[in-house]
Amino acid sequence: MKKSFVFDAEALALLARSDVMRALAEDVGTGDLTAGLTDPACQAQANVMARENAVLCGTAWFEEAFRQLDPDASVVWHVRDGERCAPDQVVAEMRGQARALLSGERTALNFLQLLSGVATKTAASVAEIRETKAQIVDTRKTLPGLRLAQKYAVLTGGGTNHRIGLHDAVLIKENHIAAAGGIQQVLLLAEKVAAQADFVEIEVETLEQLREALDAGAAMVLLDNMDLARLQEAVQINAGRAVLEISGNVTLESLRALANTGVDRISIGALTKDVRAIDFSMRIKAPPESL
């Protein structure tokens, strides 16, 4: 079985380095003309403050944005990834070259705001289904180039990662079924690559397709866009034989009812696709002496 990405400290550091390098190249380019007005020897201090309730996420990316510009820059966190912050709370204090703090501010905040937004939205979804057996799962509907960062944020918010991409798991959808000639045929074909995959899952749209998939030995089934009545019947038909996942038109308001049907997983594309950034601000705390 192929092993998916593991978000340990070393992997996070490498991921943040790569993401931030691209972001700084995009923003700073050949040089920050405005920050260049300051004395290159000048040191500065700054605070980062939350403007709303949130689950913090993205500290590795935030720090990396300044350290790529000033290797001696330091950040002291008062709130860590996965912890909650409140309005007007100072979440971090930092010190470094004034130019680095000024040039890295937007890139650092972009990552912190985006990833905290994903983590906060995920945490709200997880809270809605507490004390049920269901798990909240993300999808591949991510911002291009930032998938791993967003999937880390989902984990930080208490959710679960689905497949990382097309390379680590098999998810058979309606077009795959049509191209292969049917549910039984495509599941037989999937057996050839099952050893390379974290899992093999098949999407069904009707209860008849669910029965066919179960009879063909499906171990994971995605129930696509079914109403509550059909979902309840699907759980009864399944009788614990396969892992059942719900997908399609899932909202925060509908989560509890969906989880109460007895399904195992609820996948939500909006966790990473429709993200509202969390409001953080960074302020220079004291005027640099050499300015």
Protein backbone atom coordinates (compact mmCIF):
# COMPACT_ATOMS: atom_id res chain seq x y z
CA MET A 1 0.00 0.00 0.00
CA LYS A 2 1.32 3.41 -0.97
CA LYS A 3 1.90 5.78 1.94
CA SER A 4 0.28 9.22 1.73
CA PHE A 5 2.03 12.44 2.69
CA VAL A 6 2.88 12.58 6.40
CA PHE A 7 2.75 16.00 8.03
CA ASP A 8 5.66 15.65 10.45
CA ALA A 9 7.93 18.56 11.45
CA GLU A 10 10.51 17.90 8.73
CA ALA A 11 7.93 17.53 5.98
CA LEU A 12 6.12 20.68 7.09
CA ALA A 13 9.36 22.66 7.04
CA LEU A 14 10.15 21.52 3.49
CA LEU A 15 6.61 22.20 2.33
CA ALA A 16 6.55 25.68 3.86
CA ARG A 17 9.94 26.47 2.33
CA SER A 18 8.75 25.53 -1.15
CA ASP A 19 5.38 27.32 -0.88
CA VAL A 20 6.92 30.49 0.54
CA MET A 21 9.71 30.59 -2.03
CA ARG A 22 7.12 30.71 -4.82
CA ALA A 23 5.01 33.27 -2.98
CA LEU A 24 7.92 35.63 -2.28
CA ALA A 25 9.12 35.36 -5.87
CA GLU A 26 5.63 36.36 -6.97
CA ASP A 27 5.36 39.28 -4.53
CA VAL A 28 8.87 40.64 -4.01
CA GLY A 29 10.24 39.83 -7.46
CA THR A 30 13.47 41.74 -8.09
CA GLY A 31 13.08 43.75 -4.87
CA ASP A 32 10.65 45.61 -2.62
CA LEU A 33 10.86 49.22 -3.77
CA THR A 34 8.99 50.58 -0.78
CA ALA A 35 10.78 48.63 1.95
CA GLY A 36 14.02 49.62 0.25
CA LEU A 37 13.48 53.14 1.57
CA THR A 38 14.46 51.93 5.07
CA ASP A 39 17.98 51.54 6.43
CA PRO A 40 19.19 47.96 5.72
CA ALA A 41 20.81 47.85 9.18
CA CYS A 42 17.63 48.79 10.98
CA GLN A 43 16.04 46.23 13.32
CA ALA A 44 12.34 46.24 14.17
CA GLN A 45 9.79 44.48 16.37
CA ALA A 46 6.19 43.67 15.50
CA ASN A 47 3.06 42.09 16.94
CA VAL A 48 0.57 39.90 15.09
CA MET A 49 -2.98 40.30 16.35
CA ALA A 50 -6.15 38.32 15.72
CA ARG A 51 -9.22 40.34 14.79
CA GLU A 52 -11.76 37.54 15.26
CA ASN A 53 -12.28 34.13 16.85
CA ALA A 54 -10.40 31.45 14.95
CA VAL A 55 -8.37 28.26 15.00
CA LEU A 56 -4.79 29.27 14.26
CA CYS A 57 -2.93 27.48 11.48
CA GLY A 58 0.06 28.23 9.29
CA THR A 59 2.82 29.13 11.74
CA ALA A 60 5.48 27.29 9.72
CA TRP A 61 4.62 29.28 6.58
CA PHE A 62 4.44 32.55 8.49
CA GLU A 63 7.90 32.10 10.02
CA GLU A 64 9.41 30.93 6.74
CA ALA A 65 8.26 34.09 4.95
CA PHE A 66 10.51 36.19 7.18
CA ARG A 67 13.43 33.79 7.54
CA GLN A 68 13.88 33.57 3.79
CA LEU A 69 14.40 37.34 3.87
CA ASP A 70 16.27 37.49 7.20
CA PRO A 71 17.69 34.18 8.53
CA ASP A 72 18.05 35.74 11.98
CA ALA A 73 14.42 36.80 12.25
CA SER A 74 12.66 35.39 15.32
CA VAL A 75 9.00 34.70 16.06
CA VAL A 76 7.56 33.93 19.50
CA TRP A 77 4.09 32.38 19.32
CA HIS A 78 1.51 32.84 22.07
CA VAL A 79 -0.96 30.62 20.16
CA ARG A 80 0.08 27.46 18.33
CA ASP A 81 -1.41 25.63 15.35
CA GLY A 82 -4.71 24.05 16.36
CA GLU A 83 -5.30 26.41 19.28
CA ARG A 84 -8.02 29.05 19.36
CA CYS A 85 -7.46 32.79 19.38
CA ALA A 86 -9.83 35.64 20.21
CA PRO A 87 -10.36 39.16 18.88
CA ASP A 88 -7.57 41.60 19.84
CA GLN A 89 -5.35 38.77 21.10
CA VAL A 90 -1.65 39.00 20.29
CA VAL A 91 -0.84 35.64 18.72
CA ALA A 92 2.85 36.29 17.96
CA GLU A 93 5.72 38.69 18.59
CA MET A 94 8.59 39.01 16.17
CA ARG A 95 11.91 40.72 15.63
CA GLY A 96 14.16 41.08 12.61
CA GLN A 97 15.46 43.40 9.95
CA ALA A 98 12.91 46.12 9.28
CA ARG A 99 13.14 45.51 5.54
CA ALA A 100 12.44 41.79 6.01
CA LEU A 101 9.44 42.42 8.25
CA LEU A 102 8.01 44.91 5.78
CA SER A 103 8.64 42.80 2.68
CA GLY A 104 7.45 39.51 4.18
CA GLU A 105 4.34 40.86 5.90
CA ARG A 106 1.81 40.25 3.14
CA THR A 107 3.08 36.80 2.17
CA ALA A 108 3.22 35.69 5.81
CA LEU A 109 -0.27 36.98 6.57
CA ASN A 110 -1.70 35.48 3.39
CA PHE A 111 -0.66 32.01 4.53
CA LEU A 112 -1.77 32.54 8.13
CA GLN A 113 -5.15 33.96 7.08
CA LEU A 114 -5.88 31.30 4.47
CA LEU A 115 -4.81 28.28 6.49
CA SER A 116 -6.49 29.54 9.66
CA GLY A 117 -9.65 30.00 7.58
CA VAL A 118 -9.54 26.35 6.48
CA ALA A 119 -8.80 25.11 10.01
CA THR A 120 -11.56 27.25 11.52
CA LYS A 121 -14.16 26.11 8.98
CA THR A 122 -13.15 22.49 9.49
CA ALA A 123 -13.39 22.82 13.28
CA ALA A 124 -16.93 24.19 12.95
CA SER A 125 -17.93 21.20 10.82
CA VAL A 126 -16.33 18.73 13.22
CA ALA A 127 -18.20 20.32 16.13
CA GLU A 128 -21.52 19.85 14.34
CA ILE A 129 -21.13 16.06 14.20
CA ARG A 130 -19.58 15.48 17.61
CA GLU A 131 -20.78 12.25 19.28
CA THR A 132 -21.64 10.64 15.94
CA LYS A 133 -19.50 8.01 14.19
CA ALA A 134 -18.93 10.19 11.12
CA GLN A 135 -15.67 11.88 10.17
CA ILE A 136 -15.26 15.15 8.26
CA VAL A 137 -13.14 14.58 5.15
CA ASP A 138 -11.62 17.01 2.65
CA THR A 139 -11.44 16.66 -1.15
CA ARG A 140 -9.19 17.58 -4.09
CA LYS A 141 -11.03 20.90 -4.52
CA THR A 142 -8.04 22.91 -3.34
CA LEU A 143 -6.22 26.04 -4.47
CA PRO A 144 -3.74 25.01 -7.20
CA GLY A 145 -0.25 24.62 -5.75
CA LEU A 146 -1.43 24.80 -2.13
CA ARG A 147 -3.12 21.42 -1.73
CA LEU A 148 -0.79 20.01 0.90
CA ALA A 149 -0.89 23.22 2.92
CA GLN A 150 -4.69 23.20 2.89
CA LYS A 151 -4.87 19.52 3.76
CA TYR A 152 -2.60 20.20 6.73
CA ALA A 153 -5.03 22.93 7.78
CA VAL A 154 -7.93 20.44 7.60
CA LEU A 155 -6.05 18.13 9.95
CA THR A 156 -5.29 21.07 12.24
CA GLY A 157 -9.02 21.81 12.43
CA GLY A 158 -9.78 18.22 13.45
CA GLY A 159 -10.79 16.87 10.05
CA THR A 160 -9.49 13.93 8.03
CA ASN A 161 -7.64 13.88 4.72
CA HIS A 162 -9.08 12.08 1.73
CA ARG A 163 -6.58 11.08 -0.97
CA ILE A 164 -3.80 13.58 -1.59
CA GLY A 165 -4.16 13.29 -5.36
CA LEU A 166 -4.74 10.93 -8.24
CA HIS A 167 -1.55 9.04 -7.39
CA ASP A 168 -2.23 7.64 -3.92
CA ALA A 169 -5.77 6.23 -4.01
CA VAL A 170 -8.46 5.02 -6.40
CA LEU A 171 -11.78 6.88 -6.53
CA ILE A 172 -14.00 5.47 -9.27
CA LYS A 173 -16.60 7.95 -10.53
CA GLU A 174 -19.41 7.75 -13.05
CA ASN A 175 -17.17 8.45 -16.05
CA HIS A 176 -14.74 5.73 -14.97
CA ILE A 177 -17.65 3.30 -14.64
CA ALA A 178 -18.96 4.24 -18.09
CA ALA A 179 -15.53 3.95 -19.70
CA ALA A 180 -14.91 0.52 -18.15
CA GLY A 181 -18.32 -0.88 -19.05
CA GLY A 182 -19.94 -1.12 -15.63
CA ILE A 183 -19.47 -1.32 -11.88
CA GLN A 184 -18.39 -4.94 -11.71
CA GLN A 185 -15.94 -4.51 -14.58
CA VAL A 186 -14.29 -1.40 -13.17
CA LEU A 187 -13.90 -2.93 -9.70
CA LEU A 188 -12.20 -5.95 -11.26
CA LEU A 189 -9.81 -3.62 -13.07
CA ALA A 190 -9.14 -1.74 -9.84
CA GLU A 191 -7.83 -4.90 -8.23
CA LYS A 192 -4.76 -4.61 -10.49
CA VAL A 193 -3.66 -1.36 -8.84
CA ALA A 194 -5.11 -1.87 -5.35
CA ALA A 195 -1.70 -2.75 -3.87
CA GLN A 196 -0.37 0.67 -4.95
CA ALA A 197 -3.27 2.59 -3.43
CA ASP A 198 -4.22 3.70 0.06
CA PHE A 199 -7.78 2.63 -0.73
CA VAL A 200 -10.21 1.84 -3.56
CA GLU A 201 -13.55 3.65 -3.43
CA ILE A 202 -16.44 3.73 -5.89
CA GLU A 203 -19.05 6.45 -6.29
CA VAL A 204 -22.72 5.49 -6.74
CA GLU A 205 -25.76 7.64 -7.43
CA THR A 206 -28.59 5.15 -6.81
CA LEU A 207 -29.43 2.40 -4.35
CA GLU A 208 -29.37 -0.09 -7.20
CA GLN A 209 -25.77 0.89 -7.95
CA LEU A 210 -24.95 0.54 -4.25
CA ARG A 211 -26.26 -3.03 -4.22
CA GLU A 212 -24.27 -3.83 -7.36
CA ALA A 213 -21.08 -2.35 -5.89
CA LEU A 214 -21.48 -4.29 -2.63
CA ASP A 215 -22.15 -7.52 -4.51
CA ALA A 216 -18.94 -6.87 -6.48
CA GLY A 217 -16.96 -6.60 -3.24
CA ALA A 218 -16.60 -2.82 -2.85
CA ALA A 219 -14.93 -1.94 0.45
CA MET A 220 -15.60 1.82 0.25
CA VAL A 221 -18.60 3.46 -1.38
CA LEU A 222 -19.24 7.16 -1.97
CA LEU A 223 -22.96 8.04 -1.92
CA ASP A 224 -23.30 11.01 -4.24
CA ASN A 225 -26.07 13.59 -3.79
CA MET A 226 -28.59 11.32 -2.03
CA ASP A 227 -31.36 12.75 0.15
CA LEU A 228 -31.78 11.74 3.79
CA ALA A 229 -34.33 9.03 3.11
CA ARG A 230 -32.12 7.32 0.55
CA LEU A 231 -29.06 7.70 2.76
CA GLN A 232 -30.86 5.98 5.63
CA GLU A 233 -31.88 3.17 3.31
CA ALA A 234 -28.34 2.94 1.95
CA VAL A 235 -26.98 2.44 5.49
CA GLN A 236 -29.49 -0.38 6.01
CA ILE A 237 -28.59 -2.02 2.69
CA ASN A 238 -24.90 -1.75 3.47
CA ALA A 239 -25.30 -3.31 6.93
CA GLY A 240 -21.69 -2.53 7.80
CA ARG A 241 -20.15 -4.27 4.80
CA ALA A 242 -18.36 -1.22 3.36
CA VAL A 243 -17.21 2.18 4.55
CA LEU A 244 -19.89 4.67 3.47
CA GLU A 245 -19.09 8.25 2.55
CA ILE A 246 -21.45 11.10 1.71
CA SER A 247 -20.66 13.76 -0.89
CA GLY A 248 -22.51 16.59 -2.57
CA ASN A 249 -24.34 19.72 -1.38
CA VAL A 250 -23.19 19.34 2.22
CA THR A 251 -23.75 22.44 4.35
CA LEU A 252 -22.99 23.25 7.97
CA GLU A 253 -26.74 23.27 8.64
CA SER A 254 -27.28 19.81 7.13
CA LEU A 255 -24.27 18.13 8.73
CA ARG A 256 -25.91 16.82 11.89
CA ALA A 257 -28.79 15.17 10.05
CA LEU A 258 -26.40 13.62 7.55
CA ALA A 259 -24.16 12.24 10.29
CA ASN A 260 -27.17 10.82 12.13
CA THR A 261 -27.92 8.52 9.19
CA GLY A 262 -25.02 6.35 10.36
CA VAL A 263 -22.54 6.96 7.52
CA ASP A 264 -18.81 6.80 8.23
CA ARG A 265 -17.47 9.84 6.37
CA ILE A 266 -18.77 13.17 5.05
CA SER A 267 -16.59 14.81 2.42
CA ILE A 268 -16.85 18.58 1.99
CA GLY A 269 -15.19 20.38 -0.90
CA ALA A 270 -16.06 23.77 0.59
CA LEU A 271 -13.52 23.26 3.39
CA THR A 272 -10.73 24.13 0.97
CA LYS A 273 -12.56 25.62 -2.01
CA ASP A 274 -14.83 28.28 -0.49
CA VAL A 275 -12.53 29.72 2.17
CA ARG A 276 -12.99 33.02 3.99
CA ALA A 277 -9.65 34.28 5.24
CA ILE A 278 -9.31 34.98 8.95
CA ASP A 279 -8.48 38.58 9.80
CA PHE A 280 -5.01 38.99 11.32
CA SER A 281 -2.95 42.17 11.35
CA MET A 282 0.74 42.85 11.89
CA ARG A 283 1.95 46.10 13.42
CA ILE A 284 5.47 47.40 13.97
CA LYS A 285 5.65 47.77 17.75
CA ALA A 286 8.35 50.41 18.10
CA PRO A 287 10.00 52.75 15.59
CA PRO A 288 13.42 51.40 14.58
CA GLU A 289 16.18 53.46 16.18
CA SER A 290 18.14 53.93 12.99
CA LEU A 291 15.25 55.23 10.88
